[in-house]
PDB file of all heavy atoms in Angstrom:
ATOM      1  N   LEU A   1     -36.248 -32.476  -0.668  1.00  0.00           N
ATOM      2  CA  LEU A   1     -35.643 -33.660  -1.313  1.00  0.00           C
ATOM      3  C   LEU A   1     -35.042 -34.557  -0.245  1.00  0.00           C
ATOM      4  O   LEU A   1     -34.406 -34.085   0.707  1.00  0.00           O
ATOM      5  CB  LEU A   1     -34.564 -33.203  -2.290  1.00  0.00           C
ATOM      6  CG  LEU A   1     -34.985 -32.247  -3.414  1.00  0.00           C
ATOM      7  CD1 LEU A   1     -33.779 -31.668  -4.135  1.00  0.00           C
ATOM      8  CD2 LEU A   1     -35.885 -32.991  -4.390  1.00  0.00           C
ATOM      9  N   ILE A   2     -35.279 -35.850  -0.384  1.00  0.00           N
ATOM     10  CA  ILE A   2     -34.712 -36.814   0.581  1.00  0.00           C
ATOM     11  C   ILE A   2     -34.087 -37.930  -0.178  1.00  0.00           C
ATOM     12  O   ILE A   2     -34.700 -38.531  -1.070  1.00  0.00           O
ATOM     13  CB  ILE A   2     -35.789 -37.356   1.533  1.00  0.00           C
ATOM     14  CG1 ILE A   2     -36.495 -36.224   2.300  1.00  0.00           C
ATOM     15  CG2 ILE A   2     -35.168 -38.322   2.521  1.00  0.00           C
ATOM     16  CD1 ILE A   2     -37.579 -36.704   3.259  1.00  0.00           C
ATOM     17  N   LYS A   3     -32.855 -38.233   0.177  1.00  0.00           N
ATOM     18  CA  LYS A   3     -32.166 -39.434  -0.355  1.00  0.00           C
ATOM     19  C   LYS A   3     -31.675 -40.269   0.833  1.00  0.00           C
ATOM     20  O   LYS A   3     -31.492 -39.725   1.923  1.00  0.00           O
ATOM     21  CB  LYS A   3     -31.015 -39.025  -1.267  1.00  0.00           C
ATOM     22  CG  LYS A   3     -31.462 -38.367  -2.565  1.00  0.00           C
ATOM     23  CD  LYS A   3     -30.352 -38.294  -3.581  1.00  0.00           C
ATOM     24  CE  LYS A   3     -30.866 -37.735  -4.894  1.00  0.00           C
ATOM     25  NZ  LYS A   3     -29.798 -37.734  -5.960  1.00  0.00           N
ATOM     26  N   THR A   4     -31.518 -41.542   0.587  1.00  0.00           N
ATOM     27  CA  THR A   4     -31.168 -42.442   1.669  1.00  0.00           C
ATOM     28  C   THR A   4     -29.908 -43.245   1.319  1.00  0.00           C
ATOM     29  O   THR A   4     -29.555 -43.445   0.172  1.00  0.00           O
ATOM     30  CB  THR A   4     -32.308 -43.429   1.970  1.00  0.00           C
ATOM     31  OG1 THR A   4     -32.520 -44.253   0.813  1.00  0.00           O
ATOM     32  CG2 THR A   4     -33.564 -42.704   2.349  1.00  0.00           C
ATOM     33  N   THR A   5     -29.259 -43.657   2.358  1.00  0.00           N
ATOM     34  CA  THR A   5     -28.159 -44.622   2.279  1.00  0.00           C
ATOM     35  C   THR A   5     -28.222 -45.465   3.532  1.00  0.00           C
ATOM     36  O   THR A   5     -28.927 -45.105   4.506  1.00  0.00           O
ATOM     37  CB  THR A   5     -26.794 -43.906   2.130  1.00  0.00           C
ATOM     38  OG1 THR A   5     -25.777 -44.895   1.884  1.00  0.00           O
ATOM     39  CG2 THR A   5     -26.415 -43.115   3.384  1.00  0.00           C
ATOM     40  N   VAL A   6     -27.550 -46.573   3.556  1.00  0.00           N
ATOM     41  CA  VAL A   6     -27.549 -47.444   4.724  1.00  0.00           C
ATOM     42  C   VAL A   6     -26.170 -47.493   5.330  1.00  0.00           C
ATOM     43  O   VAL A   6     -25.181 -47.738   4.638  1.00  0.00           O
ATOM     44  CB  VAL A   6     -28.009 -48.864   4.335  1.00  0.00           C
ATOM     45  CG1 VAL A   6     -27.960 -49.769   5.567  1.00  0.00           C
ATOM     46  CG2 VAL A   6     -29.417 -48.848   3.782  1.00  0.00           C
ATOM     47  N   VAL A   7     -26.124 -47.213   6.634  1.00  0.00           N
ATOM     48  CA  VAL A   7     -24.874 -47.224   7.383  1.00  0.00           C
ATOM     49  C   VAL A   7     -24.823 -48.521   8.202  1.00  0.00           C
ATOM     50  O   VAL A   7     -25.807 -48.830   8.913  1.00  0.00           O
ATOM     51  CB  VAL A   7     -24.773 -46.018   8.323  1.00  0.00           C
ATOM     52  CG1 VAL A   7     -23.526 -46.111   9.218  1.00  0.00           C
ATOM     53  CG2 VAL A   7     -24.751 -44.731   7.503  1.00  0.00           C
ATOM     54  N   PRO A   8     -23.775 -49.329   8.084  1.00  0.00           N
ATOM     55  CA  PRO A   8     -23.684 -50.517   8.925  1.00  0.00           C
ATOM     56  C   PRO A   8     -23.839 -50.156  10.412  1.00  0.00           C
ATOM     57  O   PRO A   8     -23.353 -49.101  10.844  1.00  0.00           O
ATOM     58  CB  PRO A   8     -22.292 -51.070   8.623  1.00  0.00           C
ATOM     59  CG  PRO A   8     -21.953 -50.540   7.248  1.00  0.00           C
ATOM     60  CD  PRO A   8     -22.611 -49.195   7.197  1.00  0.00           C
ATOM     61  N   ILE A   9     -24.479 -51.022  11.139  1.00  0.00           N
ATOM     62  CA  ILE A   9     -24.775 -50.731  12.572  1.00  0.00           C
ATOM     63  C   ILE A   9     -23.485 -50.388  13.324  1.00  0.00           C
ATOM     64  O   ILE A   9     -23.467 -49.451  14.127  1.00  0.00           O
ATOM     65  CB  ILE A   9     -25.461 -51.939  13.238  1.00  0.00           C
ATOM     66  CG1 ILE A   9     -26.746 -52.313  12.460  1.00  0.00           C
ATOM     67  CG2 ILE A   9     -25.783 -51.619  14.677  1.00  0.00           C
ATOM     68  CD1 ILE A   9     -27.792 -51.237  12.432  1.00  0.00           C
ATOM     69  N   ASP A  10     -22.395 -51.103  13.043  1.00  0.00           N
ATOM     70  CA  ASP A  10     -21.147 -50.856  13.797  1.00  0.00           C
ATOM     71  C   ASP A  10     -20.426 -49.579  13.343  1.00  0.00           C
ATOM     72  O   ASP A  10     -19.429 -49.189  13.958  1.00  0.00           O
ATOM     73  CB  ASP A  10     -20.202 -52.041  13.656  1.00  0.00           C
ATOM     74  CG  ASP A  10     -19.793 -52.310  12.206  1.00  0.00           C
ATOM     75  OD1 ASP A  10     -20.526 -51.863  11.302  1.00  0.00           O
ATOM     76  OD2 ASP A  10     -18.769 -52.978  11.990  1.00  0.00           O
ATOM     77  N   LYS A  11     -20.988 -48.914  12.310  1.00  0.00           N
ATOM     78  CA  LYS A  11     -20.354 -47.659  11.833  1.00  0.00           C
ATOM     79  C   LYS A  11     -21.193 -46.427  12.194  1.00  0.00           C
ATOM     80  O   LYS A  11     -20.779 -45.319  11.891  1.00  0.00           O
ATOM     81  CB  LYS A  11     -20.179 -47.697  10.313  1.00  0.00           C
ATOM     82  CG  LYS A  11     -19.207 -48.772   9.841  1.00  0.00           C
ATOM     83  CD  LYS A  11     -17.782 -48.422  10.191  1.00  0.00           C
ATOM     84  CE  LYS A  11     -16.809 -49.451   9.626  1.00  0.00           C
ATOM     85  NZ  LYS A  11     -15.404 -49.097   9.982  1.00  0.00           N
ATOM     86  N   ILE A  12     -22.385 -46.638  12.812  1.00  0.00           N
ATOM     87  CA  ILE A  12     -23.264 -45.514  13.140  1.00  0.00           C
ATOM     88  C   ILE A  12     -22.549 -44.504  14.041  1.00  0.00           C
ATOM     89  O   ILE A  12     -22.664 -43.289  13.845  1.00  0.00           O
ATOM     90  CB  ILE A  12     -24.569 -46.031  13.763  1.00  0.00           C
ATOM     91  CG1 ILE A  12     -25.409 -46.766  12.725  1.00  0.00           C
ATOM     92  CG2 ILE A  12     -25.358 -44.864  14.376  1.00  0.00           C
ATOM     93  CD1 ILE A  12     -26.676 -47.378  13.262  1.00  0.00           C
ATOM     94  N   SER A  13     -21.812 -45.016  15.014  1.00  0.00           N
ATOM     95  CA  SER A  13     -21.117 -44.107  15.942  1.00  0.00           C
ATOM     96  C   SER A  13     -20.088 -43.240  15.226  1.00  0.00           C
ATOM     97  O   SER A  13     -19.827 -42.118  15.621  1.00  0.00           O
ATOM     98  CB  SER A  13     -20.447 -44.922  17.050  1.00  0.00           C
ATOM     99  OG  SER A  13     -19.504 -45.841  16.508  1.00  0.00           O
ATOM    100  N   ASP A  14     -19.500 -43.766  14.127  1.00  0.00           N
ATOM    101  CA  ASP A  14     -18.529 -42.963  13.362  1.00  0.00           C
ATOM    102  C   ASP A  14     -19.220 -41.791  12.682  1.00  0.00           C
ATOM    103  O   ASP A  14     -18.638 -40.701  12.562  1.00  0.00           O
ATOM    104  CB  ASP A  14     -17.843 -43.851  12.288  1.00  0.00           C
ATOM    105  CG  ASP A  14     -16.970 -44.930  12.904  1.00  0.00           C
ATOM    106  OD1 ASP A  14     -16.621 -44.796  14.091  1.00  0.00           O
ATOM    107  OD2 ASP A  14     -16.668 -45.903  12.197  1.00  0.00           O
ATOM    108  N   VAL A  15     -20.468 -42.021  12.201  1.00  0.00           N
ATOM    109  CA  VAL A  15     -21.188 -40.949  11.510  1.00  0.00           C
ATOM    110  C   VAL A  15     -21.696 -39.908  12.499  1.00  0.00           C
ATOM    111  O   VAL A  15     -21.740 -38.714  12.221  1.00  0.00           O
ATOM    112  CB  VAL A  15     -22.358 -41.534  10.687  1.00  0.00           C
ATOM    113  CG1 VAL A  15     -23.140 -40.451   9.999  1.00  0.00           C
ATOM    114  CG2 VAL A  15     -21.835 -42.542   9.676  1.00  0.00           C
ATOM    115  N   ILE A  16     -22.121 -40.371  13.689  1.00  0.00           N
ATOM    116  CA  ILE A  16     -22.626 -39.439  14.696  1.00  0.00           C
ATOM    117  C   ILE A  16     -21.492 -38.665  15.334  1.00  0.00           C
ATOM    118  O   ILE A  16     -21.549 -37.442  15.472  1.00  0.00           O
ATOM    119  CB  ILE A  16     -23.448 -40.201  15.759  1.00  0.00           C
ATOM    120  CG1 ILE A  16     -24.705 -40.814  15.100  1.00  0.00           C
ATOM    121  CG2 ILE A  16     -23.830 -39.274  16.921  1.00  0.00           C
ATOM    122  CD1 ILE A  16     -25.495 -41.695  15.991  1.00  0.00           C
ATOM    123  N   GLY A  17     -20.428 -39.381  15.726  1.00  0.00           N
ATOM    124  CA  GLY A  17     -19.292 -38.756  16.347  1.00  0.00           C
ATOM    125  C   GLY A  17     -19.527 -38.398  17.816  1.00  0.00           C
ATOM    126  O   GLY A  17     -20.660 -38.489  18.308  1.00  0.00           O
ATOM    127  N   PRO A  18     -18.460 -38.042  18.526  1.00  0.00           N
ATOM    128  CA  PRO A  18     -18.606 -37.725  19.963  1.00  0.00           C
ATOM    129  C   PRO A  18     -19.531 -36.543  20.205  1.00  0.00           C
ATOM    130  O   PRO A  18     -19.323 -35.465  19.615  1.00  0.00           O
ATOM    131  CB  PRO A  18     -17.160 -37.370  20.374  1.00  0.00           C
ATOM    132  CG  PRO A  18     -16.292 -37.912  19.281  1.00  0.00           C
ATOM    133  CD  PRO A  18     -17.078 -37.924  18.039  1.00  0.00           C
ATOM    134  N   GLY A  19     -20.605 -36.760  20.961  1.00  0.00           N
ATOM    135  CA  GLY A  19     -21.562 -35.708  21.248  1.00  0.00           C
ATOM    136  C   GLY A  19     -22.287 -35.206  20.006  1.00  0.00           C
ATOM    137  O   GLY A  19     -22.826 -34.105  20.005  1.00  0.00           O
ATOM    138  N   GLY A  20     -22.312 -36.026  18.934  1.00  0.00           N
ATOM    139  CA  GLY A  20     -22.985 -35.624  17.713  1.00  0.00           C
ATOM    140  C   GLY A  20     -22.188 -34.662  16.858  1.00  0.00           C
ATOM    141  O   GLY A  20     -22.727 -34.083  15.923  1.00  0.00           O
ATOM    142  N   ARG A  21     -20.884 -34.557  17.148  1.00  0.00           N
ATOM    143  CA  ARG A  21     -20.047 -33.551  16.470  1.00  0.00           C
ATOM    144  C   ARG A  21     -19.971 -33.780  14.956  1.00  0.00           C
ATOM    145  O   ARG A  21     -20.108 -32.859  14.148  1.00  0.00           O
ATOM    146  CB  ARG A  21     -18.648 -33.538  17.077  1.00  0.00           C
ATOM    147  CG  ARG A  21     -17.711 -32.555  16.386  1.00  0.00           C
ATOM    148  CD  ARG A  21     -16.444 -32.369  17.234  1.00  0.00           C
ATOM    149  NE  ARG A  21     -15.793 -33.652  17.506  1.00  0.00           N
ATOM    150  CZ  ARG A  21     -14.914 -34.225  16.667  1.00  0.00           C
ATOM    151  NH1 ARG A  21     -14.619 -33.613  15.528  1.00  0.00           N
ATOM    152  NH2 ARG A  21     -14.345 -35.364  16.976  1.00  0.00           N
ATOM    153  N   VAL A  22     -19.831 -35.071  14.550  1.00  0.00           N
ATOM    154  CA  VAL A  22     -19.666 -35.358  13.115  1.00  0.00           C
ATOM    155  C   VAL A  22     -20.958 -35.108  12.356  1.00  0.00           C
ATOM    156  O   VAL A  22     -20.943 -34.440  11.318  1.00  0.00           O
ATOM    157  CB  VAL A  22     -19.201 -36.806  12.925  1.00  0.00           C
ATOM    158  CG1 VAL A  22     -19.128 -37.152  11.428  1.00  0.00           C
ATOM    159  CG2 VAL A  22     -17.839 -37.024  13.569  1.00  0.00           C
ATOM    160  N   ILE A  23     -22.056 -35.620  12.854  1.00  0.00           N
ATOM    161  CA  ILE A  23     -23.325 -35.471  12.130  1.00  0.00           C
ATOM    162  C   ILE A  23     -23.775 -34.029  12.094  1.00  0.00           C
ATOM    163  O   ILE A  23     -24.318 -33.562  11.076  1.00  0.00           O
ATOM    164  CB  ILE A  23     -24.415 -36.373  12.756  1.00  0.00           C
ATOM    165  CG1 ILE A  23     -25.563 -36.585  11.749  1.00  0.00           C
ATOM    166  CG2 ILE A  23     -24.924 -35.877  14.084  1.00  0.00           C
ATOM    167  CD1 ILE A  23     -26.543 -37.684  12.173  1.00  0.00           C
ATOM    168  N   LYS A  24     -23.513 -33.279  13.157  1.00  0.00           N
ATOM    169  CA  LYS A  24     -23.846 -31.866  13.145  1.00  0.00           C
ATOM    170  C   LYS A  24     -22.977 -31.115  12.153  1.00  0.00           C
ATOM    171  O   LYS A  24     -23.415 -30.194  11.474  1.00  0.00           O
ATOM    172  CB  LYS A  24     -23.637 -31.276  14.540  1.00  0.00           C
ATOM    173  CG  LYS A  24     -24.687 -31.703  15.550  1.00  0.00           C
ATOM    174  CD  LYS A  24     -24.397 -31.181  16.941  1.00  0.00           C
ATOM    175  CE  LYS A  24     -25.367 -31.678  17.990  1.00  0.00           C
ATOM    176  NZ  LYS A  24     -25.009 -31.225  19.323  1.00  0.00           N
ATOM    177  N   GLY A  25     -21.715 -31.531  12.032  1.00  0.00           N
ATOM    178  CA  GLY A  25     -20.809 -30.901  11.082  1.00  0.00           C
ATOM    179  C   GLY A  25     -21.227 -31.124   9.649  1.00  0.00           C
ATOM    180  O   GLY A  25     -21.153 -30.239   8.812  1.00  0.00           O
ATOM    181  N   ILE A  26     -21.711 -32.359   9.371  1.00  0.00           N
ATOM    182  CA  ILE A  26     -22.181 -32.657   8.026  1.00  0.00           C
ATOM    183  C   ILE A  26     -23.401 -31.772   7.711  1.00  0.00           C
ATOM    184  O   ILE A  26     -23.491 -31.218   6.616  1.00  0.00           O
ATOM    185  CB  ILE A  26     -22.569 -34.155   7.920  1.00  0.00           C
ATOM    186  CG1 ILE A  26     -21.336 -35.061   8.114  1.00  0.00           C
ATOM    187  CG2 ILE A  26     -23.255 -34.454   6.567  1.00  0.00           C
ATOM    188  CD1 ILE A  26     -21.671 -36.527   8.245  1.00  0.00           C
ATOM    189  N   SER A  27     -24.322 -31.683   8.651  1.00  0.00           N
ATOM    190  CA  SER A  27     -25.549 -30.870   8.434  1.00  0.00           C
ATOM    191  C   SER A  27     -25.166 -29.418   8.172  1.00  0.00           C
ATOM    192  O   SER A  27     -25.732 -28.782   7.283  1.00  0.00           O
ATOM    193  CB  SER A  27     -26.462 -30.975   9.642  1.00  0.00           C
ATOM    194  OG  SER A  27     -26.936 -32.280   9.806  1.00  0.00           O
ATOM    195  N   LYS A  28     -24.229 -28.902   8.911  1.00  0.00           N
ATOM    196  CA  LYS A  28     -23.860 -27.497   8.782  1.00  0.00           C
ATOM    197  C   LYS A  28     -23.098 -27.231   7.488  1.00  0.00           C
ATOM    198  O   LYS A  28     -23.385 -26.273   6.780  1.00  0.00           O
ATOM    199  CB  LYS A  28     -23.003 -27.076  10.002  1.00  0.00           C
ATOM    200  CG  LYS A  28     -22.661 -25.593  10.006  1.00  0.00           C
ATOM    201  CD  LYS A  28     -21.920 -25.218  11.258  1.00  0.00           C
ATOM    202  CE  LYS A  28     -21.607 -23.723  11.302  1.00  0.00           C
ATOM    203  NZ  LYS A  28     -20.870 -23.338  12.535  1.00  0.00           N
ATOM    204  N   GLU A  29     -22.170 -28.114   7.166  1.00  0.00           N
ATOM    205  CA  GLU A  29     -21.323 -27.908   5.983  1.00  0.00           C
ATOM    206  C   GLU A  29     -22.142 -27.979   4.682  1.00  0.00           C
ATOM    207  O   GLU A  29     -21.936 -27.183   3.773  1.00  0.00           O
ATOM    208  CB  GLU A  29     -20.175 -28.936   5.949  1.00  0.00           C
ATOM    209  CG  GLU A  29     -19.269 -28.775   4.737  1.00  0.00           C
ATOM    210  CD  GLU A  29     -18.139 -29.769   4.720  1.00  0.00           C
ATOM    211  OE1 GLU A  29     -17.922 -30.461   5.764  1.00  0.00           O
ATOM    212  OE2 GLU A  29     -17.427 -29.854   3.674  1.00  0.00           O
ATOM    213  N   PHE A  30     -23.066 -28.937   4.604  1.00  0.00           N
ATOM    214  CA  PHE A  30     -23.798 -29.168   3.369  1.00  0.00           C
ATOM    215  C   PHE A  30     -25.217 -28.590   3.405  1.00  0.00           C
ATOM    216  O   PHE A  30     -25.958 -28.726   2.405  1.00  0.00           O
ATOM    217  CB  PHE A  30     -23.858 -30.657   3.053  1.00  0.00           C
ATOM    218  CG  PHE A  30     -22.508 -31.301   2.856  1.00  0.00           C
ATOM    219  CD1 PHE A  30     -21.921 -32.074   3.846  1.00  0.00           C
ATOM    220  CD2 PHE A  30     -21.798 -31.071   1.683  1.00  0.00           C
ATOM    221  CE1 PHE A  30     -20.686 -32.644   3.649  1.00  0.00           C
ATOM    222  CE2 PHE A  30     -20.567 -31.657   1.474  1.00  0.00           C
ATOM    223  CZ  PHE A  30     -19.976 -32.439   2.463  1.00  0.00           C
ATOM    224  N   GLU A  31     -25.598 -27.951   4.521  1.00  0.00           N
ATOM    225  CA  GLU A  31     -26.942 -27.322   4.651  1.00  0.00           C
ATOM    226  C   GLU A  31     -28.028 -28.366   4.401  1.00  0.00           C
ATOM    227  O   GLU A  31     -28.934 -28.201   3.594  1.00  0.00           O
ATOM    228  CB  GLU A  31     -27.096 -26.147   3.688  1.00  0.00           C
ATOM    229  CG  GLU A  31     -26.114 -25.011   3.989  1.00  0.00           C
ATOM    230  CD  GLU A  31     -26.243 -23.863   3.038  1.00  0.00           C
ATOM    231  OE1 GLU A  31     -26.928 -24.020   1.986  1.00  0.00           O
ATOM    232  OE2 GLU A  31     -25.723 -22.783   3.337  1.00  0.00           O
ATOM    233  N   VAL A  32     -27.935 -29.474   5.110  1.00  0.00           N
ATOM    234  CA  VAL A  32     -28.902 -30.584   5.009  1.00  0.00           C
ATOM    235  C   VAL A  32     -29.287 -31.032   6.413  1.00  0.00           C
ATOM    236  O   VAL A  32     -28.666 -30.630   7.416  1.00  0.00           O
ATOM    237  CB  VAL A  32     -28.330 -31.749   4.231  1.00  0.00           C
ATOM    238  CG1 VAL A  32     -28.059 -31.366   2.777  1.00  0.00           C
ATOM    239  CG2 VAL A  32     -27.078 -32.330   4.876  1.00  0.00           C
TER     240      VAL A  32
END
C-alpha cells in the first residue's frame, strides 16, 4: 500500500532530521 503527501521544500529537512534520524524513526515506529 502506498499513500502520498506533499512536504514543503523548506520543511523537508525537518522530516529527514539530522543524519536521517527523524525519517528513520518514523519508518521504525510505524513499520513503513
